[in-house]
Protein backbone atom coordinates (compact mmCIF):
# COMPACT_ATOMS: atom_id res chain seq x y z
CA UNK A 1 4.51 28.49 -41.57
CA UNK A 2 6.76 29.59 -38.66
CA UNK A 3 3.67 30.33 -36.56
CA UNK A 4 2.24 26.91 -37.32
CA UNK A 5 5.54 25.23 -36.37
CA UNK A 6 5.64 27.28 -33.15
CA UNK A 7 2.10 26.22 -32.27
CA UNK A 8 2.89 22.55 -32.93
CA UNK A 9 6.07 22.68 -30.78
CA UNK A 10 4.22 24.50 -27.97
CA UNK A 11 1.39 21.96 -28.17
CA UNK A 12 3.84 19.06 -27.88
CA UNK A 13 5.53 20.62 -24.88
CA UNK A 14 2.22 21.22 -23.13
CA UNK A 15 0.88 17.75 -23.94
CA UNK A 16 4.07 16.13 -22.60
CA UNK A 17 3.53 17.90 -19.26
CA UNK A 18 -0.11 16.83 -19.23
CA UNK A 19 0.82 13.13 -19.57
CA UNK A 20 3.74 13.19 -17.15
CA UNK A 21 2.24 11.68 -14.05
CA UNK A 22 4.27 12.07 -10.93
CA UNK A 23 2.39 11.92 -7.68
CA UNK A 24 2.79 11.30 -4.00
CA UNK A 25 0.61 8.94 -2.00
CA UNK A 26 0.41 9.58 1.72
CA UNK A 27 -0.92 6.44 3.41
CA UNK A 28 -1.12 6.93 7.19
CA UNK A 29 -1.46 3.95 9.49
CA UNK A 30 -1.89 4.79 13.17
CA UNK A 31 -0.69 2.07 15.55
CA UNK A 32 -0.60 2.79 19.30
CA UNK A 33 -0.77 6.53 18.57
CA UNK A 34 2.19 6.41 16.16
CA UNK A 35 1.93 6.99 12.41
CA UNK A 36 3.58 3.91 10.91
CA UNK A 37 2.25 4.58 7.44
CA UNK A 38 4.20 5.23 4.30
CA UNK A 39 4.65 7.96 1.74
CA UNK A 40 5.21 6.78 -1.84
CA UNK A 41 6.67 8.78 -4.72
CA UNK A 42 5.22 7.34 -7.94
CA UNK A 43 6.35 8.10 -11.47
CA UNK A 44 4.01 6.38 -13.93
CA UNK A 45 6.15 7.30 -16.94
CA UNK A 46 9.38 5.78 -15.57
CA UNK A 47 7.32 3.09 -13.82
CA UNK A 48 9.08 3.65 -10.52
CA UNK A 49 7.99 3.82 -6.91
CA UNK A 50 10.18 5.42 -4.29
CA UNK A 51 10.02 5.54 -0.53
CA UNK A 52 9.63 9.10 0.69
CA UNK A 53 10.06 10.98 3.96
CA UNK A 54 9.14 14.55 4.80
CA UNK A 55 12.12 16.46 6.16
CA UNK A 56 10.33 19.15 8.21
CA UNK A 57 13.57 20.89 9.15
CA UNK A 58 14.64 21.50 5.52
CA UNK A 59 11.07 21.56 4.13
CA UNK A 60 11.87 18.91 1.54
CA UNK A 61 10.59 15.53 0.50
CA UNK A 62 13.42 12.99 0.54
CA UNK A 63 12.89 10.23 -2.03
CA UNK A 64 14.67 6.88 -2.27
CA UNK A 65 13.82 5.55 -5.74
CA UNK A 66 16.07 2.49 -5.29
CA UNK A 67 14.36 1.28 -2.11
CA UNK A 68 11.56 -1.07 -3.28
CA UNK A 69 12.18 -4.31 -5.16
CA UNK A 70 10.34 -6.10 -8.01
CA UNK A 71 8.06 -3.19 -8.95
CA UNK A 72 5.23 -4.18 -11.31
CA UNK A 73 2.85 -1.63 -12.85
CA UNK A 74 -0.51 -3.02 -13.96
CA UNK A 75 -3.64 -1.22 -15.13
CA UNK A 76 -5.42 -1.39 -11.76
CA UNK A 77 -2.57 -1.86 -9.30
CA UNK A 78 1.12 -1.40 -8.59
CA UNK A 79 2.90 -4.08 -6.57
CA UNK A 80 6.38 -4.34 -5.10
CA UNK A 81 8.39 -6.00 -2.37
CA UNK A 82 9.25 -3.89 0.65
CA UNK A 83 12.64 -4.62 2.24
CA UNK A 84 11.72 -2.71 5.42
CA UNK A 85 8.14 -3.85 6.06
CA UNK A 86 8.74 -5.12 9.56
CA UNK A 87 8.24 -4.11 13.15
CA UNK A 88 11.62 -2.37 13.32
CA UNK A 89 11.51 -0.83 9.83
CA UNK A 90 15.08 -1.93 9.11
CA UNK A 91 16.24 -2.02 5.47
CA UNK A 92 16.95 -5.68 4.62
CA UNK A 93 16.99 -6.13 0.80
CA UNK A 94 17.71 -9.88 1.02
CA UNK A 95 14.44 -10.34 2.92
CA UNK A 96 12.29 -8.15 0.63
CA UNK A 97 10.52 -11.23 -0.73
CA UNK A 98 8.81 -11.69 2.67
CA UNK A 99 6.71 -8.51 2.35
CA UNK A 100 4.59 -7.22 -0.51
CA UNK A 101 2.64 -4.00 -0.96
CA UNK A 102 -0.08 -3.45 -3.54
CA UNK A 103 -1.31 0.02 -4.43
CA UNK A 104 -4.88 0.05 -5.71
CA UNK A 105 -4.87 2.59 -8.57
CA UNK A 106 -8.69 2.79 -8.62
CA UNK A 107 -9.55 3.25 -4.92
CA UNK A 108 -6.23 4.82 -3.79
CA UNK A 109 -5.48 2.29 -1.06
CA UNK A 110 -2.48 0.22 -0.09
CA UNK A 111 -2.70 -3.39 1.00
CA UNK A 112 0.21 -5.04 2.76
CA UNK A 113 0.96 -8.76 2.77
CA UNK A 114 3.65 -10.90 4.27
CA UNK A 115 4.66 -14.49 3.77
CA UNK A 116 3.10 -16.81 6.35
CA UNK A 117 5.29 -18.66 8.84
CA UNK A 118 5.52 -21.71 6.59
CA UNK A 119 8.64 -20.22 4.98
CA UNK A 120 10.51 -21.18 8.19
CA UNK A 121 9.23 -24.74 7.80
CA UNK A 122 10.65 -24.93 4.27
CA UNK A 123 13.96 -23.47 5.44
CA UNK A 124 14.21 -26.21 8.07
CA UNK A 125 12.91 -28.99 5.82
CA UNK A 126 15.54 -28.23 3.17
CA UNK A 127 18.33 -27.21 5.56
CA UNK A 128 20.79 -29.52 3.77
CA UNK A 129 20.50 -27.40 0.59
CA UNK A 130 22.51 -24.25 -0.15
CA UNK A 131 20.90 -20.98 1.01
CA UNK A 132 19.88 -19.91 -2.50
CA UNK A 133 17.83 -23.08 -3.05
CA UNK A 134 16.19 -22.95 0.39
CA UNK A 135 15.15 -19.36 -0.32
CA UNK A 136 13.74 -20.23 -3.76
CA UNK A 137 11.68 -23.07 -2.32
CA UNK A 138 10.40 -20.94 0.58
CA UNK A 139 9.49 -18.09 -1.81
CA UNK A 140 7.48 -20.42 -3.97
CA UNK A 141 5.77 -22.54 -1.29
CA UNK A 142 4.97 -20.01 1.47
CA UNK A 143 1.60 -18.27 1.08
CA UNK A 144 0.83 -14.55 1.29
CA UNK A 145 -1.24 -13.43 4.26
CA UNK A 146 -3.02 -10.12 4.57
CA UNK A 147 -1.59 -7.64 7.11
CA UNK A 148 -3.42 -4.33 6.58
CA UNK A 149 -5.22 -2.06 4.13
CA UNK A 150 -4.86 1.73 4.35
CA UNK A 151 -6.58 4.63 2.65
CA UNK A 152 -4.23 7.03 0.92
CA UNK A 153 -4.37 10.67 -0.03
CA UNK A 154 -3.11 11.50 -3.54
CA UNK A 155 -0.99 14.62 -3.99
CA UNK A 156 -0.03 15.72 -7.51
CA UNK A 157 3.56 16.89 -7.87
CA UNK A 158 3.67 20.30 -9.51
CA UNK A 159 6.89 21.68 -8.07
CA UNK A 160 9.85 19.33 -7.96
CA UNK A 161 12.16 21.95 -6.42
CA UNK A 162 11.48 20.69 -2.89
CA UNK A 163 12.09 17.04 -3.76
CA UNK A 164 15.48 15.65 -2.82
CA UNK A 165 16.41 12.35 -4.51
CA UNK A 166 18.83 10.48 -2.28
CA UNK A 167 21.18 7.85 -3.72
CA UNK A 168 21.94 4.59 -1.96
CA UNK A 169 25.46 5.81 -1.14
CA UNK A 170 24.18 9.10 0.35
CA UNK A 171 21.71 7.11 2.44
CA UNK A 172 24.43 4.74 3.68
CA UNK A 173 26.65 7.71 4.60
CA UNK A 174 23.76 9.33 6.53
CA UNK A 175 23.05 6.07 8.37
CA UNK A 176 26.71 5.79 9.32
CA UNK A 177 26.73 9.39 10.59
CA UNK A 178 23.55 8.87 12.64
CA UNK A 179 24.92 5.65 14.13
CA UNK A 180 28.18 7.37 15.12
CA UNK A 181 26.26 10.24 16.75
CA UNK A 182 24.04 7.75 18.58
CA UNK A 183 27.08 5.81 19.83
CA UNK A 184 28.71 9.04 21.11
CA UNK A 185 25.53 9.97 22.98
CA UNK A 186 25.32 6.50 24.51
CA UNK A 187 28.98 6.71 25.62
CA UNK A 188 28.30 10.08 27.29
CA UNK A 189 25.14 8.74 28.91
CA UNK A 190 26.85 5.62 30.21
CA UNK A 191 29.99 7.41 31.42
CA UNK A 192 30.55 6.96 35.16
CA UNK A 193 29.33 9.96 37.15
CA UNK A 194 32.02 9.74 39.80
């Protein structure tokens, strides 16, 4: 009886690991010789998608599970709004509704969309309304336009030791530190030479 119980418990532990599906999608997009693609950390059990960066210096994968907005898991695709899907890649959560990414779960591709320029028209047309109403109207009326589709490479996560989950506060503190260092360098650079 003890052996049977041991086998059942071991089987449950092994089957839980078999169904836990955490993976990384690396989706390169080369523009003018620069890789502007994205790396996604996907947990199909928790139904979460995180933005990820490879930290070559520390040999870790930094994951920001709070980054994307309005994540929806469907059978054949995962979709979410990207608050940094712009030319300058600046995190702007209030503007996340302007950019959408869909991950094709069958063909392992990402497709990026953005709202067409008509959202500006609706902002102007309803300028007399409070900001929240103008935004709701623009969200509803502006159409999605295709931006790009990228092939992705799937990487199964077997060892989570080298994954560093970064909270929003840690990220904000790092951004502040980088900005201060940048400002100091600029002050040195722009200091009069004589």
